[in-house]
Amino acid sequence: MASVTTQKHTNGLEFVEVKTDLCEARIFMQGAQIDQFIPTGKPPLLWVSSADDYQIGNGIRGGIPVCWPWFGMSEVEGFPQHGFARTRIWNLDSVNIDDQIVNLVFSLDIDEQDRQYWPHDTSVKVLFTLSETLTVSIQNTNNADYQVNLTQALHTYFPITDIHQLSASGFTGSKYIEFGEGPYKQPSDTVNFNKETDRVYTQLADVQHLHTPNGTIEVSRENSQSAVLWNPWIEKSARLSRFNADDYLTMVCLEAANVLEDNVSLAPGETHTLTTHIRWI
């Protein structure tokens, strides 16, 4: 039997719990942020720090934070990093269950407080399809009569038994900036990890793979030619909030994105959907 229920965390955050023959998942109304996805008979596909205390007003350190309507630091001093969507309460608009496949749609109302950050007349939704594969989309529609530009990312944290045994592949033909600074570099196809890694890739192929001790995770994207590969390593781990000093050993982020020259430019009436698909293979 498939079930979708709304429940409340002990710290007060509401979440949607999904249980089917294919998977189990948990998605919080705050940030439309999924923090658990476990395909039946396989290991979890998402990682969350044990230091996170699930407090109202804080994005969860793990799962898939939604970075919107900008990624990273804003060009405007004092604006929140990675936008404001990940700390806002979203609406659950629809639930559809079809043969154990669950589709959920969340939307965000832009209130007066957030108009200071985002005065544009746009609508944004996050869509989930939960089966053996996790599919997550950000859908933007421009309702204004002028062009609107934005950047965004699905900031996915993956569980890695040992970062020293991880290799990531699928980067041939792209270019990247390390630590957000130029100049661009040309990557090899495979990345191994022995120091802080903070790379923004562009002109990137649609599919990458994370080769872990527990198996290989496939990460694919639609309407995205950019992605972020991140592990904070030792020194930065000590400075991060809601993050244990040794958490860098068991996680990596590979984030479907629209950043740098791959930013979203919406003409009046236009809709853009960024999608990522995640599965064990």
Protein backbone atom coordinates (compact mmCIF):
# COMPACT_ATOMS: atom_id res chain seq x y z
CA MET A 1 0.00 0.00 0.00
CA ALA A 2 1.12 3.53 -0.76
CA SER A 3 0.55 6.23 1.85
CA VAL A 4 1.20 9.97 1.99
CA THR A 5 0.66 11.57 5.40
CA THR A 6 1.44 14.94 6.99
CA GLN A 7 3.23 14.79 10.33
CA LYS A 8 5.11 17.08 12.70
CA HIS A 9 8.73 16.82 13.83
CA THR A 10 9.38 17.05 17.58
CA ASN A 11 10.84 20.53 16.98
CA GLY A 12 7.65 21.72 15.27
CA LEU A 13 8.46 21.47 11.58
CA GLU A 14 5.73 19.85 9.47
CA PHE A 15 6.68 17.21 6.92
CA VAL A 16 5.10 14.88 4.39
CA GLU A 17 5.91 11.20 4.88
CA VAL A 18 5.73 8.89 1.87
CA LYS A 19 5.71 5.09 2.14
CA THR A 20 5.23 2.84 -0.88
CA ASP A 21 6.40 -0.55 -2.10
CA LEU A 22 9.15 1.30 -4.01
CA CYS A 23 10.55 3.75 -1.46
CA GLU A 24 10.25 5.74 1.74
CA ALA A 25 10.69 9.52 1.80
CA ARG A 26 10.24 12.58 3.97
CA ILE A 27 9.75 16.14 2.68
CA PHE A 28 9.52 19.18 4.95
CA MET A 29 7.10 22.01 4.26
CA GLN A 30 9.88 24.41 5.22
CA GLY A 31 11.92 24.84 2.09
CA ALA A 32 10.07 22.04 0.27
CA GLN A 33 13.17 20.17 1.40
CA ILE A 34 13.44 16.41 1.15
CA ASP A 35 15.78 14.95 3.76
CA GLN A 36 15.13 11.21 3.37
CA PHE A 37 14.80 8.99 0.31
CA ILE A 38 15.34 5.26 0.67
CA PRO A 39 14.62 2.99 -2.31
CA THR A 40 13.26 -0.36 -1.15
CA GLY A 41 16.06 -2.86 -0.56
CA LYS A 42 18.81 -0.29 -1.17
CA PRO A 43 20.80 2.19 0.94
CA PRO A 44 19.59 5.77 1.53
CA LEU A 45 20.30 8.20 -1.31
CA LEU A 46 20.43 11.36 0.83
CA TRP A 47 22.67 12.45 3.71
CA VAL A 48 21.86 14.70 6.70
CA SER A 49 24.30 15.78 9.41
CA SER A 50 23.57 14.35 12.85
CA ALA A 51 24.40 17.85 14.17
CA ASP A 52 21.29 19.35 12.56
CA ASP A 53 18.54 20.01 15.09
CA TYR A 54 15.68 20.73 12.66
CA GLN A 55 14.95 24.20 13.98
CA ILE A 56 12.29 26.44 12.48
CA GLY A 57 13.97 29.11 10.36
CA ASN A 58 17.09 27.08 9.54
CA GLY A 59 17.54 25.15 6.33
CA ILE A 60 18.35 21.51 7.07
CA ARG A 61 22.05 20.65 6.69
CA GLY A 62 21.52 17.80 4.28
CA GLY A 63 18.95 16.29 1.94
CA ILE A 64 18.20 18.69 -0.93
CA PRO A 65 17.99 22.36 0.05
CA VAL A 66 16.33 24.47 -2.67
CA CYS A 67 18.59 27.42 -3.51
CA TRP A 68 16.32 30.06 -5.08
CA PRO A 69 16.10 32.67 -6.60
CA TRP A 70 19.87 32.94 -6.45
CA PHE A 71 22.69 30.53 -5.75
CA GLY A 72 25.53 31.49 -3.42
CA MET A 73 26.00 35.04 -2.21
CA SER A 74 23.65 37.69 -3.55
CA GLU A 75 25.02 40.68 -5.41
CA VAL A 76 23.16 42.75 -2.80
CA GLU A 77 24.92 42.98 0.56
CA GLY A 78 22.88 41.61 3.45
CA PHE A 79 20.64 39.36 1.35
CA PRO A 80 20.56 35.72 2.56
CA GLN A 81 23.00 33.24 1.03
CA HIS A 82 21.38 30.87 -1.48
CA GLY A 83 18.17 32.90 -1.53
CA PHE A 84 15.25 32.76 0.88
CA ALA A 85 13.17 29.81 -0.37
CA ARG A 86 14.91 27.19 1.78
CA THR A 87 13.68 28.75 5.04
CA ARG A 88 10.11 29.57 3.97
CA ILE A 89 6.99 27.46 4.45
CA TRP A 90 5.74 26.07 1.14
CA ASN A 91 2.24 24.91 0.19
CA LEU A 92 1.51 21.29 -0.72
CA ASP A 93 -0.67 21.80 -3.80
CA SER A 94 -1.29 18.25 -4.95
CA VAL A 95 -0.64 14.58 -4.25
CA ASN A 96 -1.04 11.92 -6.92
CA ILE A 97 -0.42 8.19 -6.46
CA ASP A 98 -0.34 5.99 -9.53
CA ASP A 99 0.76 2.35 -9.24
CA GLN A 100 3.06 3.06 -6.24
CA ILE A 101 4.61 6.14 -7.94
CA VAL A 102 3.97 9.31 -5.92
CA ASN A 103 3.92 12.80 -7.44
CA LEU A 104 3.88 15.84 -5.15
CA VAL A 105 3.73 19.54 -6.08
CA PHE A 106 4.76 22.32 -3.69
CA SER A 107 4.42 26.07 -4.33
CA LEU A 108 5.76 29.16 -2.60
CA ASP A 109 3.79 32.34 -1.94
CA ILE A 110 6.06 35.40 -2.07
CA ASP A 111 4.98 37.52 0.90
CA GLU A 112 5.60 41.21 1.53
CA GLN A 113 8.71 40.47 3.59
CA ASP A 114 10.33 38.71 0.65
CA ARG A 115 9.36 41.34 -1.93
CA GLN A 116 12.45 43.23 -0.79
CA TYR A 117 14.51 40.33 -2.17
CA TRP A 118 12.32 39.35 -5.10
CA PRO A 119 9.92 42.03 -6.40
CA HIS A 120 9.21 40.16 -9.63
CA ASP A 121 5.85 38.60 -10.53
CA THR A 122 6.92 34.99 -10.92
CA SER A 123 5.63 31.67 -9.64
CA VAL A 124 7.86 28.86 -8.40
CA LYS A 125 7.04 25.23 -7.72
CA VAL A 126 9.02 22.19 -6.58
CA LEU A 127 7.89 18.86 -8.01
CA PHE A 128 8.77 15.41 -6.65
CA THR A 129 8.36 12.04 -8.32
CA LEU A 130 9.12 9.20 -5.91
CA SER A 131 9.65 5.66 -7.19
CA GLU A 132 12.87 3.59 -7.28
CA THR A 133 14.35 6.85 -8.58
CA LEU A 134 14.10 10.27 -6.94
CA THR A 135 13.16 13.05 -9.36
CA VAL A 136 13.07 16.68 -8.17
CA SER A 137 12.29 19.77 -10.26
CA ILE A 138 12.18 23.53 -9.77
CA GLN A 139 9.64 25.10 -12.12
CA ASN A 140 9.68 28.87 -12.70
CA THR A 141 7.08 30.88 -14.62
CA ASN A 142 7.46 34.57 -15.44
CA ASN A 143 4.10 36.33 -15.04
CA ALA A 144 5.61 39.79 -15.52
CA ASP A 145 5.67 41.78 -18.74
CA TYR A 146 9.48 42.03 -18.72
CA GLN A 147 12.41 39.60 -18.71
CA VAL A 148 13.41 38.06 -15.37
CA ASN A 149 16.80 36.46 -14.64
CA LEU A 150 17.63 34.08 -11.80
CA THR A 151 20.09 31.43 -10.66
CA GLN A 152 19.17 28.30 -8.71
CA ALA A 153 20.32 24.88 -7.52
CA LEU A 154 19.12 21.64 -5.98
CA HIS A 155 21.84 21.38 -3.33
CA THR A 156 21.90 17.56 -3.02
CA TYR A 157 23.90 15.92 -0.21
CA PHE A 158 24.88 12.31 -0.94
CA PRO A 159 25.95 9.69 1.63
CA ILE A 160 29.52 8.48 1.14
CA THR A 161 30.95 5.77 3.41
CA ASP A 162 34.48 7.15 3.02
CA ILE A 163 35.33 10.27 1.00
CA HIS A 164 38.80 8.82 0.35
CA GLN A 165 37.19 5.93 -1.55
CA LEU A 166 34.86 8.14 -3.62
CA SER A 167 35.40 8.94 -7.26
CA ALA A 168 33.08 11.12 -9.33
CA SER A 169 32.99 10.76 -13.11
CA GLY A 170 31.31 12.28 -16.15
CA PHE A 171 33.09 15.63 -16.40
CA THR A 172 34.77 15.30 -19.82
CA GLY A 173 34.07 18.23 -22.12
CA SER A 174 33.10 20.67 -19.37
CA LYS A 175 35.00 23.49 -17.71
CA TYR A 176 35.03 24.57 -14.06
CA ILE A 177 35.92 27.31 -11.65
CA GLU A 178 37.49 26.27 -8.34
CA PHE A 179 36.26 28.03 -5.16
CA GLY A 180 34.11 30.32 -7.29
CA GLU A 181 37.16 32.04 -8.77
CA GLY A 182 38.58 32.10 -12.28
CA PRO A 183 40.13 31.35 -14.56
CA TYR A 184 38.23 28.39 -15.95
CA LYS A 185 40.00 25.03 -15.91
CA GLN A 186 39.54 21.93 -18.03
CA PRO A 187 38.77 18.85 -15.88
CA SER A 188 39.69 15.24 -16.28
CA ASP A 189 36.73 12.90 -16.49
CA THR A 190 37.19 11.60 -12.92
CA VAL A 191 37.52 13.53 -9.66
CA ASN A 192 39.01 12.11 -6.46
CA PHE A 193 38.96 13.86 -3.10
CA ASN A 194 41.94 14.71 -0.90
CA LYS A 195 41.29 18.38 -0.07
CA GLU A 196 38.47 20.94 0.00
CA THR A 197 36.55 20.75 -3.28
CA ASP A 198 34.27 23.58 -4.38
CA ARG A 199 33.84 23.48 -8.14
CA VAL A 200 31.24 25.10 -10.35
CA TYR A 201 31.05 23.23 -13.67
CA THR A 202 29.55 24.59 -16.86
CA GLN A 203 29.05 23.10 -20.34
CA LEU A 204 28.53 19.86 -18.45
CA ALA A 205 27.09 16.64 -19.85
CA ASP A 206 23.69 15.52 -18.54
CA VAL A 207 24.88 12.53 -16.45
CA GLN A 208 27.51 12.07 -13.75
CA HIS A 209 28.27 9.12 -11.48
CA LEU A 210 29.39 8.87 -7.86
CA HIS A 211 31.34 5.64 -7.35
CA THR A 212 31.06 4.80 -3.63
CA PRO A 213 31.91 1.75 -1.48
CA ASN A 214 28.15 1.02 -1.36
CA GLY A 215 27.68 1.16 -5.13
CA THR A 216 27.28 3.75 -7.87
CA ILE A 217 24.85 6.65 -7.75
CA GLU A 218 23.71 8.10 -11.06
CA VAL A 219 22.90 11.82 -11.07
CA SER A 220 21.31 13.25 -14.21
CA ARG A 221 19.89 16.67 -15.09
CA GLU A 222 17.47 18.33 -17.50
CA ASN A 223 17.57 21.98 -18.60
CA SER A 224 20.87 22.38 -16.80
CA GLN A 225 24.39 22.62 -18.17
CA SER A 226 25.93 23.52 -14.80
CA ALA A 227 26.52 21.76 -11.49
CA VAL A 228 28.38 22.25 -8.23
CA LEU A 229 30.68 19.63 -6.70
CA TRP A 230 31.44 20.30 -3.02
CA ASN A 231 33.15 18.79 -0.02
CA PRO A 232 34.28 21.20 2.73
CA TRP A 233 37.17 19.02 3.99
CA ILE A 234 38.75 19.65 7.40
CA GLU A 235 39.18 23.39 7.99
CA LYS A 236 35.85 24.52 6.54
CA SER A 237 33.99 21.72 8.36
CA ALA A 238 35.05 23.29 11.65
CA ARG A 239 33.41 26.59 10.65
CA LEU A 240 30.10 25.27 9.30
CA SER A 241 26.93 25.48 11.36
CA ARG A 242 24.97 22.29 12.16
CA PHE A 243 27.87 20.21 10.84
CA ASN A 244 30.16 17.84 12.74
CA ALA A 245 33.91 18.25 12.38
CA ASP A 246 34.23 14.82 10.75
CA ASP A 247 31.08 14.98 8.58
CA TYR A 248 33.18 15.72 5.49
CA LEU A 249 34.27 12.07 5.55
CA THR A 250 30.77 10.76 4.83
CA MET A 251 29.18 13.25 2.39
CA VAL A 252 29.56 14.99 -0.93
CA CYS A 253 27.33 17.45 -2.77
CA LEU A 254 26.68 17.25 -6.50
CA GLU A 255 24.12 19.92 -7.25
CA ALA A 256 21.99 20.33 -10.37
CA ALA A 257 22.13 24.04 -11.13
CA ASN A 258 21.52 26.99 -13.39
CA VAL A 259 24.46 29.24 -12.55
CA LEU A 260 27.06 31.48 -14.25
CA GLU A 261 26.37 31.64 -17.99
CA ASP A 262 23.78 28.86 -17.49
CA ASN A 263 21.49 31.22 -15.55
CA VAL A 264 17.75 31.25 -16.29
CA SER A 265 16.46 34.10 -18.45
CA LEU A 266 12.65 34.08 -18.59
CA ALA A 267 10.76 36.06 -21.22
CA PRO A 268 7.25 37.24 -20.28
CA GLY A 269 4.99 34.20 -19.95
CA GLU A 270 7.88 31.73 -20.23
CA THR A 271 8.32 28.66 -17.98
CA HIS A 272 11.61 26.91 -17.19
CA THR A 273 11.97 23.58 -15.34
CA LEU A 274 15.26 22.41 -13.83
CA THR A 275 15.17 18.68 -13.05
CA THR A 276 17.48 16.18 -11.41
CA HIS A 277 17.12 12.36 -11.32
CA ILE A 278 18.96 10.33 -8.67
CA ARG A 279 19.23 6.56 -8.42
CA TRP A 280 21.43 3.62 -7.51
CA ILE A 281 22.62 1.67 -10.56
